[in-house]
PDB file of N, CA and C in Angstrom:
ATOM      1  N   UNK A   1     -61.405 -62.491 159.052  1.00  0.00           N
ATOM      2  CA  UNK A   1     -61.165 -61.107 159.118  1.00  0.00           C
ATOM      3  C   UNK A   1     -61.163 -60.564 157.668  1.00  0.00           C
ATOM      4  N   UNK A   2     -61.878 -59.476 157.369  1.00  0.00           N
ATOM      5  CA  UNK A   2     -61.906 -58.985 156.068  1.00  0.00           C
ATOM      6  C   UNK A   2     -60.857 -57.957 155.807  1.00  0.00           C
ATOM      7  N   UNK A   3     -60.547 -57.832 154.594  1.00  0.00           N
ATOM      8  CA  UNK A   3     -59.478 -56.989 154.187  1.00  0.00           C
ATOM      9  C   UNK A   3     -60.085 -55.563 154.079  1.00  0.00           C
ATOM     10  N   UNK A   4     -59.237 -54.462 154.364  1.00  0.00           N
ATOM     11  CA  UNK A   4     -59.891 -53.126 154.344  1.00  0.00           C
ATOM     12  C   UNK A   4     -60.318 -52.807 152.873  1.00  0.00           C
ATOM     13  N   UNK A   5     -61.419 -52.015 152.824  1.00  0.00           N
ATOM     14  CA  UNK A   5     -61.897 -51.660 151.461  1.00  0.00           C
ATOM     15  C   UNK A   5     -61.846 -50.129 151.382  1.00  0.00           C
ATOM     16  N   UNK A   6     -61.242 -49.614 150.484  1.00  0.00           N
ATOM     17  CA  UNK A   6     -61.175 -48.036 150.384  1.00  0.00           C
ATOM     18  C   UNK A   6     -62.230 -47.652 149.338  1.00  0.00           C
ATOM     19  N   UNK A   7     -62.664 -46.425 149.373  1.00  0.00           N
ATOM     20  CA  UNK A   7     -63.664 -46.017 148.417  1.00  0.00           C
ATOM     21  C   UNK A   7     -63.001 -46.023 147.094  1.00  0.00           C
ATOM     22  N   UNK A   8     -63.853 -45.978 146.038  1.00  0.00           N
ATOM     23  CA  UNK A   8     -63.254 -45.988 144.682  1.00  0.00           C
ATOM     24  C   UNK A   8     -62.394 -44.727 144.546  1.00  0.00           C
ATOM     25  N   UNK A   9     -61.322 -44.893 143.828  1.00  0.00           N
ATOM     26  CA  UNK A   9     -60.493 -43.808 143.561  1.00  0.00           C
ATOM     27  C   UNK A   9     -61.055 -42.872 142.562  1.00  0.00           C
ATOM     28  N   UNK A  10     -61.141 -41.615 142.852  1.00  0.00           N
ATOM     29  CA  UNK A  10     -61.801 -40.619 142.004  1.00  0.00           C
ATOM     30  C   UNK A  10     -60.704 -40.197 141.014  1.00  0.00           C
ATOM     31  N   UNK A  11     -60.822 -40.800 139.809  1.00  0.00           N
ATOM     32  CA  UNK A  11     -59.727 -40.569 138.791  1.00  0.00           C
ATOM     33  C   UNK A  11     -59.666 -39.141 138.367  1.00  0.00           C
ATOM     34  N   UNK A  12     -60.730 -38.362 138.439  1.00  0.00           N
ATOM     35  CA  UNK A  12     -60.833 -37.100 137.966  1.00  0.00           C
ATOM     36  C   UNK A  12     -59.883 -36.226 138.976  1.00  0.00           C
ATOM     37  N   UNK A  13     -59.863 -36.658 140.179  1.00  0.00           N
ATOM     38  CA  UNK A  13     -59.154 -35.847 141.306  1.00  0.00           C
ATOM     39  C   UNK A  13     -57.630 -36.506 141.453  1.00  0.00           C
ATOM     40  N   UNK A  14     -57.546 -37.721 141.364  1.00  0.00           N
ATOM     41  CA  UNK A  14     -56.282 -38.349 141.882  1.00  0.00           C
ATOM     42  C   UNK A  14     -55.432 -38.897 140.735  1.00  0.00           C
ATOM     43  N   UNK A  15     -55.906 -39.698 139.816  1.00  0.00           N
ATOM     44  CA  UNK A  15     -55.031 -40.361 138.917  1.00  0.00           C
ATOM     45  C   UNK A  15     -55.010 -39.806 137.514  1.00  0.00           C
ATOM     46  N   UNK A  16     -55.665 -38.711 137.286  1.00  0.00           N
ATOM     47  CA  UNK A  16     -55.618 -38.125 135.992  1.00  0.00           C
ATOM     48  C   UNK A  16     -54.419 -37.105 135.983  1.00  0.00           C
ATOM     49  N   UNK A  17     -53.830 -36.844 137.207  1.00  0.00           N
ATOM     50  CA  UNK A  17     -52.672 -36.006 137.265  1.00  0.00           C
ATOM     51  C   UNK A  17     -51.454 -36.764 136.721  1.00  0.00           C
ATOM     52  N   UNK A  18     -50.860 -36.317 135.614  1.00  0.00           N
ATOM     53  CA  UNK A  18     -49.782 -36.874 135.073  1.00  0.00           C
ATOM     54  C   UNK A  18     -48.649 -37.305 135.990  1.00  0.00           C
ATOM     55  N   UNK A  19     -48.227 -36.400 136.953  1.00  0.00           N
ATOM     56  CA  UNK A  19     -47.089 -36.658 137.887  1.00  0.00           C
ATOM     57  C   UNK A  19     -47.428 -37.796 138.763  1.00  0.00           C
ATOM     58  N   UNK A  20     -48.767 -37.891 139.266  1.00  0.00           N
ATOM     59  CA  UNK A  20     -49.083 -39.033 140.136  1.00  0.00           C
ATOM     60  C   UNK A  20     -49.111 -40.334 139.343  1.00  0.00           C
ATOM     61  N   UNK A  21     -49.531 -40.279 138.087  1.00  0.00           N
ATOM     62  CA  UNK A  21     -49.495 -41.545 137.251  1.00  0.00           C
ATOM     63  C   UNK A  21     -48.008 -41.897 137.116  1.00  0.00           C
ATOM     64  N   UNK A  22     -47.182 -41.018 136.852  1.00  0.00           N
ATOM     65  CA  UNK A  22     -45.714 -41.274 136.650  1.00  0.00           C
ATOM     66  C   UNK A  22     -45.066 -41.898 137.872  1.00  0.00           C
ATOM     67  N   UNK A  23     -45.416 -41.258 138.981  1.00  0.00           N
ATOM     68  CA  UNK A  23     -44.754 -41.818 140.232  1.00  0.00           C
ATOM     69  C   UNK A  23     -45.366 -43.138 140.596  1.00  0.00           C
ATOM     70  N   UNK A  24     -46.587 -43.476 140.369  1.00  0.00           N
ATOM     71  CA  UNK A  24     -47.033 -44.789 140.615  1.00  0.00           C
ATOM     72  C   UNK A  24     -46.437 -45.771 139.624  1.00  0.00           C
ATOM     73  N   UNK A  25     -46.232 -45.453 138.409  1.00  0.00           N
ATOM     74  CA  UNK A  25     -45.594 -46.257 137.412  1.00  0.00           C
ATOM     75  C   UNK A  25     -44.154 -46.518 137.856  1.00  0.00           C
ATOM     76  N   UNK A  26     -43.488 -45.529 138.199  1.00  0.00           N
ATOM     77  CA  UNK A  26     -42.102 -45.689 138.627  1.00  0.00           C
ATOM     78  C   UNK A  26     -42.021 -46.647 139.805  1.00  0.00           C
ATOM     79  N   UNK A  27     -42.813 -46.440 140.804  1.00  0.00           N
ATOM     80  CA  UNK A  27     -42.804 -47.313 142.027  1.00  0.00           C
ATOM     81  C   UNK A  27     -43.239 -48.656 141.681  1.00  0.00           C
ATOM     82  N   UNK A  28     -44.301 -48.969 140.864  1.00  0.00           N
ATOM     83  CA  UNK A  28     -44.721 -50.258 140.541  1.00  0.00           C
ATOM     84  C   UNK A  28     -43.544 -51.003 139.817  1.00  0.00           C
ATOM     85  N   UNK A  29     -42.851 -50.323 139.028  1.00  0.00           N
ATOM     86  CA  UNK A  29     -41.704 -51.000 138.277  1.00  0.00           C
ATOM     87  C   UNK A  29     -40.397 -51.286 139.104  1.00  0.00           C
ATOM     88  N   UNK A  30     -40.269 -50.298 140.107  1.00  0.00           N
ATOM     89  CA  UNK A  30     -38.974 -50.314 140.911  1.00  0.00           C
ATOM     90  C   UNK A  30     -39.089 -50.893 142.287  1.00  0.00           C
ATOM     91  N   UNK A  31     -40.246 -50.816 142.781  1.00  0.00           N
ATOM     92  CA  UNK A  31     -40.370 -51.152 144.221  1.00  0.00           C
ATOM     93  C   UNK A  31     -40.078 -49.833 145.088  1.00  0.00           C
ATOM     94  N   UNK A  32     -39.873 -50.085 146.490  1.00  0.00           N
ATOM     95  CA  UNK A  32     -39.678 -48.883 147.313  1.00  0.00           C
ATOM     96  C   UNK A  32     -38.482 -48.086 146.901  1.00  0.00           C
ATOM     97  N   UNK A  33     -38.612 -46.674 146.961  1.00  0.00           N
ATOM     98  CA  UNK A  33     -37.559 -45.884 146.640  1.00  0.00           C
ATOM     99  C   UNK A  33     -37.472 -44.746 147.499  1.00  0.00           C
ATOM    100  N   UNK A  34     -36.230 -44.179 147.795  1.00  0.00           N
ATOM    101  CA  UNK A  34     -36.051 -42.971 148.547  1.00  0.00           C
ATOM    102  C   UNK A  34     -36.787 -41.796 147.675  1.00  0.00           C
ATOM    103  N   UNK A  35     -37.421 -40.874 148.394  1.00  0.00           N
ATOM    104  CA  UNK A  35     -38.142 -39.792 147.760  1.00  0.00           C
ATOM    105  C   UNK A  35     -37.154 -38.994 146.774  1.00  0.00           C
ATOM    106  N   UNK A  36     -35.930 -38.857 147.228  1.00  0.00           N
ATOM    107  CA  UNK A  36     -35.007 -38.077 146.372  1.00  0.00           C
ATOM    108  C   UNK A  36     -34.736 -38.883 145.102  1.00  0.00           C
ATOM    109  N   UNK A  37     -34.702 -40.177 145.098  1.00  0.00           N
ATOM    110  CA  UNK A  37     -34.518 -40.884 143.807  1.00  0.00           C
ATOM    111  C   UNK A  37     -35.812 -40.865 143.007  1.00  0.00           C
ATOM    112  N   UNK A  38     -37.014 -40.907 143.595  1.00  0.00           N
ATOM    113  CA  UNK A  38     -38.319 -40.851 142.868  1.00  0.00           C
ATOM    114  C   UNK A  38     -38.351 -39.500 142.225  1.00  0.00           C
ATOM    115  N   UNK A  39     -38.000 -38.404 143.004  1.00  0.00           N
ATOM    116  CA  UNK A  39     -37.928 -37.105 142.324  1.00  0.00           C
ATOM    117  C   UNK A  39     -37.084 -37.005 141.166  1.00  0.00           C
ATOM    118  N   UNK A  40     -35.905 -37.530 141.263  1.00  0.00           N
ATOM    119  CA  UNK A  40     -35.067 -37.529 140.120  1.00  0.00           C
ATOM    120  C   UNK A  40     -35.532 -38.288 138.894  1.00  0.00           C
ATOM    121  N   UNK A  41     -36.148 -39.434 139.166  1.00  0.00           N
ATOM    122  CA  UNK A  41     -36.722 -40.221 138.048  1.00  0.00           C
ATOM    123  C   UNK A  41     -37.889 -39.508 137.381  1.00  0.00           C
ATOM    124  N   UNK A  42     -38.731 -38.775 138.211  1.00  0.00           N
ATOM    125  CA  UNK A  42     -39.894 -37.952 137.660  1.00  0.00           C
ATOM    126  C   UNK A  42     -39.260 -36.868 136.718  1.00  0.00           C
ATOM    127  N   UNK A  43     -38.279 -36.261 137.088  1.00  0.00           N
ATOM    128  CA  UNK A  43     -37.599 -35.219 136.294  1.00  0.00           C
ATOM    129  C   UNK A  43     -37.004 -35.751 135.067  1.00  0.00           C
ATOM    130  N   UNK A  44     -36.433 -36.881 135.119  1.00  0.00           N
ATOM    131  CA  UNK A  44     -35.757 -37.602 134.019  1.00  0.00           C
ATOM    132  C   UNK A  44     -36.737 -38.133 132.897  1.00  0.00           C
ATOM    133  N   UNK A  45     -38.039 -38.388 133.301  1.00  0.00           N
ATOM    134  CA  UNK A  45     -38.992 -38.960 132.392  1.00  0.00           C
ATOM    135  C   UNK A  45     -39.235 -37.908 131.279  1.00  0.00           C
ATOM    136  N   UNK A  46     -38.836 -38.145 130.050  1.00  0.00           N
ATOM    137  CA  UNK A  46     -38.980 -37.244 128.881  1.00  0.00           C
ATOM    138  C   UNK A  46     -40.400 -36.924 128.630  1.00  0.00           C
ATOM    139  N   UNK A  47     -40.798 -35.674 128.823  1.00  0.00           N
ATOM    140  CA  UNK A  47     -42.096 -35.235 128.584  1.00  0.00           C
ATOM    141  C   UNK A  47     -43.251 -35.769 129.548  1.00  0.00           C
ATOM    142  N   UNK A  48     -42.813 -36.488 130.605  1.00  0.00           N
ATOM    143  CA  UNK A  48     -43.669 -37.184 131.444  1.00  0.00           C
ATOM    144  C   UNK A  48     -43.979 -36.393 132.734  1.00  0.00           C
ATOM    145  N   UNK A  49     -43.276 -35.280 132.957  1.00  0.00           N
ATOM    146  CA  UNK A  49     -43.339 -34.727 134.329  1.00  0.00           C
ATOM    147  C   UNK A  49     -43.426 -33.180 134.137  1.00  0.00           C
ATOM    148  N   UNK A  50     -44.018 -32.571 135.044  1.00  0.00           N
ATOM    149  CA  UNK A  50     -44.162 -31.048 135.000  1.00  0.00           C
ATOM    150  C   UNK A  50     -42.921 -30.359 135.752  1.00  0.00           C
ATOM    151  N   UNK A  51     -42.089 -31.152 136.293  1.00  0.00           N
ATOM    152  CA  UNK A  51     -40.905 -30.665 137.093  1.00  0.00           C
ATOM    153  C   UNK A  51     -39.655 -30.346 136.318  1.00  0.00           C
ATOM    154  N   UNK A  52     -39.033 -29.255 136.652  1.00  0.00           N
ATOM    155  CA  UNK A  52     -37.809 -28.926 135.931  1.00  0.00           C
ATOM    156  C   UNK A  52     -36.500 -29.287 136.707  1.00  0.00           C
ATOM    157  N   UNK A  53     -36.739 -29.624 137.989  1.00  0.00           N
ATOM    158  CA  UNK A  53     -35.611 -29.963 138.778  1.00  0.00           C
ATOM    159  C   UNK A  53     -36.026 -30.890 139.954  1.00  0.00           C
ATOM    160  N   UNK A  54     -35.133 -31.716 140.473  1.00  0.00           N
ATOM    161  CA  UNK A  54     -35.441 -32.620 141.577  1.00  0.00           C
ATOM    162  C   UNK A  54     -35.918 -31.986 142.848  1.00  0.00           C
ATOM    163  N   UNK A  55     -35.424 -30.825 143.120  1.00  0.00           N
ATOM    164  CA  UNK A  55     -35.883 -30.063 144.370  1.00  0.00           C
ATOM    165  C   UNK A  55     -37.331 -29.750 144.282  1.00  0.00           C
ATOM    166  N   UNK A  56     -37.881 -29.184 143.180  1.00  0.00           N
ATOM    167  CA  UNK A  56     -39.136 -28.860 143.114  1.00  0.00           C
ATOM    168  C   UNK A  56     -40.128 -30.137 143.140  1.00  0.00           C
ATOM    169  N   UNK A  57     -39.687 -31.130 142.395  1.00  0.00           N
ATOM    170  CA  UNK A  57     -40.287 -32.385 142.393  1.00  0.00           C
ATOM    171  C   UNK A  57     -40.449 -33.031 143.891  1.00  0.00           C
ATOM    172  N   UNK A  58     -39.332 -32.947 144.618  1.00  0.00           N
ATOM    173  CA  UNK A  58     -39.427 -33.503 145.969  1.00  0.00           C
ATOM    174  C   UNK A  58     -40.330 -32.735 146.872  1.00  0.00           C
ATOM    175  N   UNK A  59     -40.319 -31.442 146.735  1.00  0.00           N
ATOM    176  CA  UNK A  59     -41.262 -30.643 147.458  1.00  0.00           C
ATOM    177  C   UNK A  59     -42.739 -30.926 147.229  1.00  0.00           C
ATOM    178  N   UNK A  60     -42.996 -31.131 145.956  1.00  0.00           N
ATOM    179  CA  UNK A  60     -44.403 -31.382 145.508  1.00  0.00           C
ATOM    180  C   UNK A  60     -44.795 -32.893 145.954  1.00  0.00           C
ATOM    181  N   UNK A  61     -43.785 -33.780 145.912  1.00  0.00           N
ATOM    182  CA  UNK A  61     -44.129 -35.153 146.286  1.00  0.00           C
ATOM    183  C   UNK A  61     -44.444 -35.086 147.742  1.00  0.00           C
ATOM    184  N   UNK A  62     -43.618 -34.483 148.625  1.00  0.00           N
ATOM    185  CA  UNK A  62     -43.915 -34.482 150.094  1.00  0.00           C
ATOM    186  C   UNK A  62     -45.133 -33.766 150.532  1.00  0.00           C
ATOM    187  N   UNK A  63     -45.424 -32.574 149.877  1.00  0.00           N
ATOM    188  CA  UNK A  63     -46.575 -31.812 150.312  1.00  0.00           C
ATOM    189  C   UNK A  63     -47.888 -31.928 149.562  1.00  0.00           C
ATOM    190  N   UNK A  64     -47.774 -32.558 148.454  1.00  0.00           N
ATOM    191  CA  UNK A  64     -49.032 -32.782 147.537  1.00  0.00           C
ATOM    192  C   UNK A  64     -49.333 -34.225 147.208  1.00  0.00           C
ATOM    193  N   UNK A  65     -48.530 -34.757 146.344  1.00  0.00           N
ATOM    194  CA  UNK A  65     -48.867 -36.060 145.664  1.00  0.00           C
ATOM    195  C   UNK A  65     -48.839 -37.193 146.625  1.00  0.00           C
ATOM    196  N   UNK A  66     -47.768 -37.417 147.473  1.00  0.00           N
ATOM    197  CA  UNK A  66     -47.655 -38.537 148.285  1.00  0.00           C
ATOM    198  C   UNK A  66     -48.759 -38.512 149.377  1.00  0.00           C
ATOM    199  N   UNK A  67     -49.082 -37.437 150.029  1.00  0.00           N
ATOM    200  CA  UNK A  67     -50.069 -37.352 151.099  1.00  0.00           C
ATOM    201  C   UNK A  67     -51.475 -37.813 150.455  1.00  0.00           C
ATOM    202  N   UNK A  68     -51.786 -37.379 149.240  1.00  0.00           N
ATOM    203  CA  UNK A  68     -53.052 -37.666 148.547  1.00  0.00           C
ATOM    204  C   UNK A  68     -53.068 -39.206 148.290  1.00  0.00           C
ATOM    205  N   UNK A  69     -52.041 -39.818 147.701  1.00  0.00           N
ATOM    206  CA  UNK A  69     -51.936 -41.175 147.413  1.00  0.00           C
ATOM    207  C   UNK A  69     -52.054 -42.053 148.735  1.00  0.00           C
ATOM    208  N   UNK A  70     -51.344 -41.578 149.742  1.00  0.00           N
ATOM    209  CA  UNK A  70     -51.325 -42.257 151.016  1.00  0.00           C
ATOM    210  C   UNK A  70     -52.747 -42.309 151.581  1.00  0.00           C
ATOM    211  N   UNK A  71     -53.393 -41.183 151.568  1.00  0.00           N
ATOM    212  CA  UNK A  71     -54.787 -41.085 152.258  1.00  0.00           C
ATOM    213  C   UNK A  71     -55.730 -42.069 151.487  1.00  0.00           C
ATOM    214  N   UNK A  72     -55.498 -42.344 150.212  1.00  0.00           N
ATOM    215  CA  UNK A  72     -56.351 -43.341 149.485  1.00  0.00           C
ATOM    216  C   UNK A  72     -55.846 -44.714 149.523  1.00  0.00           C
ATOM    217  N   UNK A  73     -54.777 -45.026 150.276  1.00  0.00           N
ATOM    218  CA  UNK A  73     -54.323 -46.270 150.477  1.00  0.00           C
ATOM    219  C   UNK A  73     -53.532 -46.849 149.193  1.00  0.00           C
ATOM    220  N   UNK A  74     -53.003 -45.902 148.419  1.00  0.00           N
ATOM    221  CA  UNK A  74     -52.285 -46.374 147.196  1.00  0.00           C
ATOM    222  C   UNK A  74     -50.748 -46.582 147.589  1.00  0.00           C
ATOM    223  N   UNK A  75     -50.177 -45.555 148.307  1.00  0.00           N
ATOM    224  CA  UNK A  75     -48.713 -45.670 148.656  1.00  0.00           C
ATOM    225  C   UNK A  75     -48.563 -45.741 150.146  1.00  0.00           C
ATOM    226  N   UNK A  76     -47.488 -46.347 150.580  1.00  0.00           N
ATOM    227  CA  UNK A  76     -47.053 -46.217 151.975  1.00  0.00           C
ATOM    228  C   UNK A  76     -45.981 -45.156 152.050  1.00  0.00           C
ATOM    229  N   UNK A  77     -46.378 -44.195 152.980  1.00  0.00           N
ATOM    230  CA  UNK A  77     -45.509 -42.975 153.139  1.00  0.00           C
ATOM    231  C   UNK A  77     -45.896 -42.341 154.400  1.00  0.00           C
ATOM    232  N   UNK A  78     -45.012 -41.868 155.179  1.00  0.00           N
ATOM    233  CA  UNK A  78     -45.185 -41.106 156.382  1.00  0.00           C
ATOM    234  C   UNK A  78     -44.362 -39.845 156.311  1.00  0.00           C
ATOM    235  N   UNK A  79     -44.904 -38.643 156.633  1.00  0.00           N
ATOM    236  CA  UNK A  79     -44.082 -37.454 156.568  1.00  0.00           C
ATOM    237  C   UNK A  79     -42.826 -37.661 157.416  1.00  0.00           C
ATOM    238  N   UNK A  80     -41.760 -37.363 156.918  1.00  0.00           N
ATOM    239  CA  UNK A  80     -40.525 -37.514 157.621  1.00  0.00           C
ATOM    240  C   UNK A  80     -39.693 -38.806 157.167  1.00  0.00           C
ATOM    241  N   UNK A  81     -40.426 -39.707 156.666  1.00  0.00           N
ATOM    242  CA  UNK A  81     -39.795 -40.970 156.110  1.00  0.00           C
ATOM    243  C   UNK A  81     -39.186 -40.634 154.818  1.00  0.00           C
ATOM    244  N   UNK A  82     -38.110 -41.271 154.432  1.00  0.00           N
ATOM    245  CA  UNK A  82     -37.426 -41.129 153.201  1.00  0.00           C
ATOM    246  C   UNK A  82     -37.894 -42.071 152.065  1.00  0.00           C
ATOM    247  N   UNK A  83     -38.522 -43.228 152.525  1.00  0.00           N
ATOM    248  CA  UNK A  83     -38.809 -44.136 151.494  1.00  0.00           C
ATOM    249  C   UNK A  83     -40.421 -44.137 151.189  1.00  0.00           C
ATOM    250  N   UNK A  84     -40.762 -44.447 150.001  1.00  0.00           N
ATOM    251  CA  UNK A  84     -42.180 -44.556 149.574  1.00  0.00           C
ATOM    252  C   UNK A  84     -42.369 -45.811 148.740  1.00  0.00           C
ATOM    253  N   UNK A  85     -43.498 -46.490 148.857  1.00  0.00           N
ATOM    254  CA  UNK A  85     -43.747 -47.752 148.113  1.00  0.00           C
ATOM    255  C   UNK A  85     -45.278 -47.878 147.869  1.00  0.00           C
ATOM    256  N   UNK A  86     -45.528 -48.667 146.841  1.00  0.00           N
ATOM    257  CA  UNK A  86     -46.972 -49.055 146.706  1.00  0.00           C
ATOM    258  C   UNK A  86     -47.399 -49.914 147.840  1.00  0.00           C
ATOM    259  N   UNK A  87     -48.621 -49.792 148.298  1.00  0.00           N
ATOM    260  CA  UNK A  87     -49.087 -50.538 149.413  1.00  0.00           C
ATOM    261  C   UNK A  87     -49.354 -51.972 149.015  1.00  0.00           C
ATOM    262  N   UNK A  88     -49.358 -52.878 150.114  1.00  0.00           N
ATOM    263  CA  UNK A  88     -49.754 -54.243 149.838  1.00  0.00           C
ATOM    264  C   UNK A  88     -51.202 -54.542 149.597  1.00  0.00           C
ATOM    265  N   UNK A  89     -52.014 -53.484 149.867  1.00  0.00           N
ATOM    266  CA  UNK A  89     -53.487 -53.661 149.750  1.00  0.00           C
ATOM    267  C   UNK A  89     -53.936 -53.412 148.340  1.00  0.00           C
ATOM    268  N   UNK A  90     -53.074 -52.980 147.444  1.00  0.00           N
ATOM    269  CA  UNK A  90     -53.516 -52.703 146.011  1.00  0.00           C
ATOM    270  C   UNK A  90     -52.710 -53.456 145.109  1.00  0.00           C
ATOM    271  N   UNK A  91     -53.220 -53.771 143.940  1.00  0.00           N
ATOM    272  CA  UNK A  91     -52.392 -54.272 142.866  1.00  0.00           C
ATOM    273  C   UNK A  91     -52.464 -53.117 141.869  1.00  0.00           C
ATOM    274  N   UNK A  92     -51.198 -52.682 141.438  1.00  0.00           N
ATOM    275  CA  UNK A  92     -51.076 -51.591 140.529  1.00  0.00           C
ATOM    276  C   UNK A  92     -50.522 -52.180 139.209  1.00  0.00           C
ATOM    277  N   UNK A  93     -51.167 -51.808 138.119  1.00  0.00           N
ATOM    278  CA  UNK A  93     -50.803 -52.196 136.756  1.00  0.00           C
ATOM    279  C   UNK A  93     -50.585 -50.992 136.031  1.00  0.00           C
ATOM    280  N   UNK A  94     -49.381 -50.872 135.391  1.00  0.00           N
ATOM    281  CA  UNK A  94     -49.126 -49.755 134.513  1.00  0.00           C
ATOM    282  C   UNK A  94     -48.753 -50.242 133.155  1.00  0.00           C
ATOM    283  N   UNK A  95     -49.633 -50.143 132.169  1.00  0.00           N
ATOM    284  CA  UNK A  95     -49.277 -50.536 130.843  1.00  0.00           C
ATOM    285  C   UNK A  95     -48.272 -49.576 130.104  1.00  0.00           C
ATOM    286  N   UNK A  96     -48.512 -48.262 130.404  1.00  0.00           N
ATOM    287  CA  UNK A  96     -47.695 -47.278 129.916  1.00  0.00           C
ATOM    288  C   UNK A  96     -47.895 -46.094 130.801  1.00  0.00           C
ATOM    289  N   UNK A  97     -47.174 -44.909 130.572  1.00  0.00           N
ATOM    290  CA  UNK A  97     -47.339 -43.735 131.452  1.00  0.00           C
ATOM    291  C   UNK A  97     -48.725 -43.134 131.447  1.00  0.00           C
ATOM    292  N   UNK A  98     -49.611 -43.434 130.564  1.00  0.00           N
ATOM    293  CA  UNK A  98     -50.856 -42.856 130.562  1.00  0.00           C
ATOM    294  C   UNK A  98     -52.006 -43.798 131.013  1.00  0.00           C
ATOM    295  N   UNK A  99     -51.715 -44.912 131.348  1.00  0.00           N
ATOM    296  CA  UNK A  99     -52.753 -45.829 131.876  1.00  0.00           C
ATOM    297  C   UNK A  99     -52.364 -46.465 133.242  1.00  0.00           C
ATOM    298  N   UNK A 100     -53.304 -46.188 134.215  1.00  0.00           N
ATOM    299  CA  UNK A 100     -53.158 -46.592 135.518  1.00  0.00           C
ATOM    300  C   UNK A 100     -54.308 -47.429 135.985  1.00  0.00           C
ATOM    301  N   UNK A 101     -54.168 -48.544 136.538  1.00  0.00           N
ATOM    302  CA  UNK A 101     -55.196 -49.375 137.082  1.00  0.00           C
ATOM    303  C   UNK A 101     -54.807 -49.722 138.517  1.00  0.00           C
ATOM    304  N   UNK A 102     -55.711 -49.405 139.428  1.00  0.00           N
ATOM    305  CA  UNK A 102     -55.560 -49.760 140.864  1.00  0.00           C
ATOM    306  C   UNK A 102     -56.638 -50.770 141.285  1.00  0.00           C
ATOM    307  N   UNK A 103     -56.241 -51.901 141.843  1.00  0.00           N
ATOM    308  CA  UNK A 103     -57.196 -52.852 142.243  1.00  0.00           C
ATOM    309  C   UNK A 103     -57.188 -52.920 143.672  1.00  0.00           C
ATOM    310  N   UNK A 104     -58.374 -52.782 144.330  1.00  0.00           N
ATOM    311  CA  UNK A 104     -58.499 -52.914 145.807  1.00  0.00           C
ATOM    312  C   UNK A 104     -59.322 -54.256 145.915  1.00  0.00           C
ATOM    313  N   UNK A 105     -58.712 -55.335 146.231  1.00  0.00           N
ATOM    314  CA  UNK A 105     -59.366 -56.568 146.311  1.00  0.00           C
ATOM    315  C   UNK A 105     -60.051 -56.859 145.022  1.00  0.00           C
ATOM    316  N   UNK A 106     -61.459 -56.872 145.062  1.00  0.00           N
ATOM    317  CA  UNK A 106     -62.240 -57.126 143.744  1.00  0.00           C
ATOM    318  C   UNK A 106     -62.642 -55.801 143.100  1.00  0.00           C
ATOM    319  N   UNK A 107     -62.314 -54.615 143.711  1.00  0.00           N
ATOM    320  CA  UNK A 107     -62.832 -53.370 143.159  1.00  0.00           C
ATOM    321  C   UNK A 107     -61.695 -52.792 142.241  1.00  0.00           C
ATOM    322  N   UNK A 108     -61.963 -52.403 140.988  1.00  0.00           N
ATOM    323  CA  UNK A 108     -61.099 -51.825 140.153  1.00  0.00           C
ATOM    324  C   UNK A 108     -61.323 -50.311 139.856  1.00  0.00           C
ATOM    325  N   UNK A 109     -60.353 -49.464 140.016  1.00  0.00           N
ATOM    326  CA  UNK A 109     -60.516 -48.053 139.661  1.00  0.00           C
ATOM    327  C   UNK A 109     -59.458 -47.699 138.722  1.00  0.00           C
ATOM    328  N   UNK A 110     -59.691 -46.846 137.823  1.00  0.00           N
ATOM    329  CA  UNK A 110     -58.674 -46.566 136.783  1.00  0.00           C
ATOM    330  C   UNK A 110     -58.711 -45.179 136.305  1.00  0.00           C
ATOM    331  N   UNK A 111     -57.811 -44.779 135.507  1.00  0.00           N
ATOM    332  CA  UNK A 111     -57.644 -43.419 134.939  1.00  0.00           C
ATOM    333  C   UNK A 111     -57.256 -43.571 133.526  1.00  0.00           C
TER     334      UNK A 111
END
């Protein structure tokens, strides 16, 4: 049985967005987190987030960033769920807040 293969991540659309890179970096370092905690950590990152408060971050996560990352197989998240995590199908490497590499089996996509 072969493992699922997702199309290459379009870095111009998905991973060049600083908030998405930040949330992937946070999840890769921390493991599964409640969305409320993820939102707080995004706000707390000095200069790394466009959000001023956890409420606006939480709304953007639920309605924009998490669905996009879920649809590309990068995060496990379902609307209505409180927890989000990096999927088992990808290897995520974050050297710093500005470098993201996602590995789908033998395929590498980065930003």
